[in-house]
Amino acid sequence: MHPTIRELVRGLAGAAGFLLCALAWGMPLVLAAGIAVGVYVSLGLLLPKPPAVDSPGEVLGLNAQKRESFLANCRQANAELTRLALQVPKREFADRVRELTQTSANLLAYLEKKPEAILMSYSVPRNLEHLVTMLREYTAIRSYQAAGGTAEESLRKVESLFETAGQAFHGMYQQLLNDDAAALETSAHTLAILMELDDEISQPRTDRVRPELGTSRTLENEPPLPPITPLQTKSAPPRLPGKERAL
């Protein structure tokens, strides 16, 4: 049962039990609430529990068993291609097959470290097994001394197909690496922006704008202000004795 449906059933049953006990049967609210909680807990034990998630691969739709089967099939097919490459009499084509197996080995190593990319490369084992079948037939036909023109044409098509497959595997591997590099570059760019913002926030501002000049000058370059001196007022002249202002 889905976890959401399971919890919904438990909640509705508990609420129905509370309303039935409190309203229909007139029980005290505390007793009705206790019965509702008991119904909720009991259904949690009776209803089937959702399957537990053991690994990140299951969250992505690929459980551990399927992931290991995928990797094992890739290893087996790649090892068979390496073995058959030793039986190819044509050196140029044998080198092409070994280059393909090296690319598939690199791709397999990447998928072992990052299994989340397996879903985007799920056709790799099937393609490798198909190449193994074709290369096995190729080596069998090449072993015949009196191969006709039709056989030679088929062998050339197989050689051309292996070249195309090698380019496809190499492009897939490079695309995965480019995606990682792009993600890393985006993270680095975001981190640089955050660091610049943090520096601007933490650094005190020393710029002041002088309205009369319309330019900004730092406090360090401002000339010192003159000292403030108290104002001196002129005192009235002293009065001479014996002389008074006439009213």
Protein backbone atom coordinates (compact mmCIF):
# COMPACT_ATOMS: atom_id res chain seq x y z
CA MET A 1 0.00 0.00 0.00
CA HIS A 2 1.20 3.49 -0.82
CA PRO A 3 2.31 5.45 2.28
CA THR A 4 -0.05 8.35 1.54
CA ILE A 5 -3.09 6.10 1.18
CA ARG A 6 -2.10 4.17 4.28
CA GLU A 7 -1.89 7.30 6.45
CA LEU A 8 -5.12 8.65 4.97
CA VAL A 9 -7.02 5.49 5.92
CA ARG A 10 -5.61 5.58 9.46
CA GLY A 11 -6.54 9.25 9.89
CA LEU A 12 -10.07 8.87 8.58
CA ALA A 13 -10.70 5.80 10.75
CA GLY A 14 -9.44 7.57 13.86
CA ALA A 15 -11.57 10.65 13.15
CA ALA A 16 -14.64 8.51 12.50
CA GLY A 17 -14.11 6.65 15.77
CA PHE A 18 -13.82 9.92 17.69
CA LEU A 19 -17.01 11.40 16.19
CA LEU A 20 -18.96 8.18 16.71
CA CYS A 21 -17.95 7.88 20.35
CA ALA A 22 -18.34 11.56 21.22
CA LEU A 23 -21.47 12.49 19.29
CA ALA A 24 -23.43 9.30 18.68
CA TRP A 25 -22.71 7.50 21.93
CA GLY A 26 -22.21 10.55 24.13
CA MET A 27 -18.89 9.46 25.62
CA PRO A 28 -16.60 11.97 27.33
CA LEU A 29 -14.22 13.72 24.98
CA VAL A 30 -11.15 12.32 26.73
CA LEU A 31 -12.42 8.76 26.39
CA ALA A 32 -13.45 9.34 22.74
CA ALA A 33 -10.01 10.77 21.95
CA GLY A 34 -8.34 7.74 23.56
CA ILE A 35 -10.43 5.36 21.46
CA ALA A 36 -9.58 7.34 18.30
CA VAL A 37 -5.88 7.12 19.08
CA GLY A 38 -6.23 3.38 19.68
CA VAL A 39 -7.94 2.92 16.31
CA TYR A 40 -5.19 4.93 14.60
CA VAL A 41 -2.38 2.91 16.20
CA SER A 42 -4.11 -0.42 15.60
CA LEU A 43 -4.54 0.27 11.90
CA GLY A 44 -0.84 1.15 11.74
CA LEU A 45 -0.07 -2.38 12.89
CA LEU A 46 -2.69 -4.11 10.71
CA LEU A 47 -2.30 -2.33 7.38
CA PRO A 48 0.60 -3.46 5.11
CA LYS A 49 3.66 -1.31 5.52
CA PRO A 50 5.29 0.40 2.50
CA PRO A 51 8.51 -1.19 1.20
CA ALA A 52 11.65 0.16 2.84
CA VAL A 53 14.17 2.05 0.73
CA ASP A 54 17.61 0.62 1.29
CA SER A 55 19.77 2.44 -1.24
CA PRO A 56 19.78 5.69 -3.24
CA GLY A 57 19.35 3.66 -6.43
CA GLU A 58 15.84 2.63 -5.38
CA VAL A 59 14.85 6.25 -4.99
CA LEU A 60 15.93 6.80 -8.59
CA GLY A 61 13.89 3.82 -9.82
CA LEU A 62 16.84 1.39 -9.96
CA ASN A 63 17.32 -0.97 -7.04
CA ALA A 64 20.61 -2.48 -5.97
CA GLN A 65 19.93 -5.81 -7.69
CA LYS A 66 19.25 -4.23 -11.07
CA ARG A 67 22.26 -1.97 -10.71
CA GLU A 68 24.59 -4.87 -9.98
CA SER A 69 23.10 -6.86 -12.87
CA PHE A 70 23.69 -3.90 -15.19
CA LEU A 71 27.32 -3.55 -14.17
CA ALA A 72 27.97 -7.31 -14.30
CA ASN A 73 26.59 -7.58 -17.85
CA CYS A 74 28.77 -4.65 -18.92
CA ARG A 75 31.89 -6.25 -17.43
CA GLN A 76 31.16 -9.62 -19.02
CA ALA A 77 30.52 -8.18 -22.49
CA ASN A 78 33.57 -5.94 -22.32
CA ALA A 79 35.79 -8.87 -21.29
CA GLU A 80 34.44 -10.97 -24.19
CA LEU A 81 35.18 -8.15 -26.65
CA THR A 82 38.74 -7.93 -25.33
CA ARG A 83 39.19 -11.68 -25.78
CA LEU A 84 37.76 -11.69 -29.31
CA ALA A 85 39.96 -8.74 -30.32
CA LEU A 86 42.96 -11.07 -29.96
CA GLN A 87 41.50 -13.34 -32.64
CA VAL A 88 41.00 -10.60 -35.24
CA PRO A 89 43.62 -11.06 -37.97
CA LYS A 90 43.26 -7.55 -39.33
CA ARG A 91 45.44 -5.36 -37.12
CA GLU A 92 43.70 -2.06 -37.87
CA PHE A 93 40.30 -3.46 -36.98
CA ALA A 94 41.72 -5.19 -33.88
CA ASP A 95 43.08 -1.84 -32.65
CA ARG A 96 39.65 -0.30 -33.24
CA VAL A 97 38.01 -3.00 -31.15
CA ARG A 98 40.53 -2.54 -28.32
CA GLU A 99 39.90 1.21 -28.39
CA LEU A 100 36.17 0.57 -28.08
CA THR A 101 36.71 -1.75 -25.12
CA GLN A 102 38.88 0.87 -23.42
CA THR A 103 36.16 3.49 -23.87
CA SER A 104 33.49 1.13 -22.53
CA ALA A 105 35.75 0.33 -19.56
CA ASN A 106 36.07 4.04 -18.79
CA LEU A 107 32.31 4.42 -19.09
CA LEU A 108 31.78 1.44 -16.77
CA ALA A 109 34.15 2.89 -14.17
CA TYR A 110 32.22 6.17 -14.27
CA LEU A 111 28.88 4.39 -13.83
CA GLU A 112 30.24 2.42 -10.88
CA LYS A 113 31.14 5.66 -9.10
CA LYS A 114 27.94 7.48 -10.11
CA PRO A 115 25.13 4.92 -10.42
CA GLU A 116 22.55 7.67 -10.86
CA ALA A 117 23.75 7.97 -14.48
CA ILE A 118 22.84 4.35 -15.23
CA LEU A 119 19.27 5.29 -16.11
CA MET A 120 20.60 7.48 -18.93
CA SER A 121 22.87 4.65 -20.16
CA TYR A 122 20.56 1.69 -19.67
CA SER A 123 21.04 0.41 -23.25
CA VAL A 124 24.82 -0.03 -22.87
CA PRO A 125 24.80 -3.76 -21.88
CA ARG A 126 22.46 -4.67 -24.72
CA ASN A 127 24.60 -2.80 -27.23
CA LEU A 128 27.79 -4.45 -25.95
CA GLU A 129 26.23 -7.90 -26.15
CA HIS A 130 25.13 -7.19 -29.73
CA LEU A 131 28.69 -6.16 -30.60
CA VAL A 132 30.02 -9.34 -29.01
CA THR A 133 27.71 -11.45 -31.19
CA MET A 134 28.77 -9.62 -34.35
CA LEU A 135 32.48 -9.82 -33.53
CA ARG A 136 32.19 -13.54 -32.81
CA GLU A 137 30.63 -14.10 -36.23
CA TYR A 138 33.26 -11.82 -37.79
CA THR A 139 36.14 -13.88 -36.44
CA ALA A 140 34.43 -17.11 -37.53
CA ILE A 141 34.03 -15.87 -41.11
CA ARG A 142 37.56 -14.52 -41.19
CA SER A 143 38.89 -17.94 -40.30
CA TYR A 144 37.61 -19.32 -43.58
CA GLN A 145 40.21 -19.12 -46.32
CA ALA A 146 37.82 -19.06 -49.28
CA ALA A 147 35.48 -16.25 -48.25
CA GLY A 148 33.56 -14.87 -51.24
CA GLY A 149 32.74 -11.29 -52.22
CA THR A 150 29.50 -11.27 -50.28
CA ALA A 151 31.31 -12.30 -47.11
CA GLU A 152 33.93 -9.61 -47.60
CA GLU A 153 31.21 -7.00 -47.99
CA SER A 154 29.59 -8.16 -44.75
CA LEU A 155 32.90 -8.00 -42.91
CA ARG A 156 33.49 -4.44 -44.08
CA LYS A 157 30.03 -3.47 -42.80
CA VAL A 158 30.89 -4.96 -39.42
CA GLU A 159 34.15 -3.00 -39.30
CA SER A 160 32.30 0.20 -40.17
CA LEU A 161 29.68 -0.54 -37.52
CA PHE A 162 32.34 -0.98 -34.84
CA GLU A 163 33.83 2.40 -35.78
CA THR A 164 30.41 4.04 -35.39
CA ALA A 165 29.82 2.25 -32.08
CA GLY A 166 33.19 3.37 -30.75
CA GLN A 167 32.35 6.99 -31.58
CA ALA A 168 28.94 6.62 -29.90
CA PHE A 169 30.44 5.21 -26.70
CA HIS A 170 33.10 7.93 -26.66
CA GLY A 171 30.45 10.63 -27.15
CA MET A 172 28.35 9.22 -24.32
CA TYR A 173 31.33 9.17 -21.97
CA GLN A 174 32.37 12.71 -22.89
CA GLN A 175 28.82 13.95 -22.42
CA LEU A 176 28.76 12.60 -18.87
CA LEU A 177 32.10 14.26 -18.13
CA ASN A 178 30.92 17.54 -19.68
CA ASP A 179 27.79 17.49 -17.53
CA ASP A 180 29.95 17.07 -14.41
CA ALA A 181 32.27 19.87 -15.54
CA ALA A 182 29.32 22.17 -16.24
CA ALA A 183 27.82 21.43 -12.82
CA LEU A 184 31.18 22.09 -11.17
CA GLU A 185 31.62 25.36 -13.08
CA THR A 186 28.15 26.51 -12.07
CA SER A 187 28.86 25.72 -8.42
CA ALA A 188 32.18 27.59 -8.56
CA HIS A 189 30.53 30.62 -10.18
CA THR A 190 27.78 30.65 -7.56
CA LEU A 191 30.35 30.39 -4.77
CA ALA A 192 32.34 33.30 -6.24
CA ILE A 193 29.21 35.49 -6.32
CA LEU A 194 28.37 34.63 -2.71
CA MET A 195 31.93 35.42 -1.60
CA GLU A 196 31.83 38.80 -3.35
CA LEU A 197 28.52 39.64 -1.67
CA ASP A 198 29.91 38.57 1.70
CA ASP A 199 32.96 40.80 1.22
CA GLU A 200 30.78 43.78 0.32
CA ILE A 201 28.60 43.26 3.38
CA SER A 202 31.44 42.75 5.87
CA GLN A 203 33.70 45.55 4.57
CA PRO A 204 32.91 49.01 6.13
CA ARG A 205 32.16 51.78 3.67
CA THR A 206 34.51 54.78 3.74
CA ASP A 207 33.14 56.71 0.79
CA ARG A 208 31.42 60.01 1.40
CA VAL A 209 29.79 62.17 -1.23
CA ARG A 210 30.27 65.92 -1.15
CA PRO A 211 27.15 67.45 -2.68
CA GLU A 212 28.82 70.69 -3.63
CA LEU A 213 31.48 68.94 -5.67
CA GLY A 214 29.47 66.02 -6.95
CA THR A 215 32.40 63.63 -6.40
CA SER A 216 33.22 61.05 -3.76
CA ARG A 217 36.25 61.38 -1.54
CA THR A 218 37.48 59.13 1.22
CA LEU A 219 37.75 60.24 4.79
CA GLU A 220 41.45 59.51 4.70
CA ASN A 221 42.01 62.20 2.04
CA GLU A 222 39.86 64.84 3.72
CA PRO A 223 41.85 67.80 5.10
CA PRO A 224 41.73 68.15 8.89
CA LEU A 225 39.10 70.49 10.26
CA PRO A 226 40.34 73.67 11.99
CA PRO A 227 40.14 73.66 15.77
CA ILE A 228 37.02 75.10 17.27
CA THR A 229 37.75 78.29 19.21
CA PRO A 230 35.29 80.04 21.50
CA LEU A 231 33.65 83.21 20.11
CA GLN A 232 35.09 86.45 21.40
CA THR A 233 32.56 89.27 21.97
CA LYS A 234 33.46 92.93 22.30
CA SER A 235 32.92 94.21 25.82
CA ALA A 236 31.34 97.61 26.48
CA PRO A 237 33.78 100.50 27.24
CA PRO A 238 34.24 101.20 30.95
CA ARG A 239 32.32 104.07 32.46
CA LEU A 240 34.20 107.08 33.82
CA PRO A 241 33.47 107.99 37.42
CA GLY A 242 31.27 110.95 37.97
CA LYS A 243 29.63 110.76 34.61
CA GLU A 244 26.28 109.24 34.22
CA ARG A 245 24.02 109.13 31.28
CA ALA A 246 21.32 111.64 31.52
CA LEU A 247 17.89 110.24 31.56
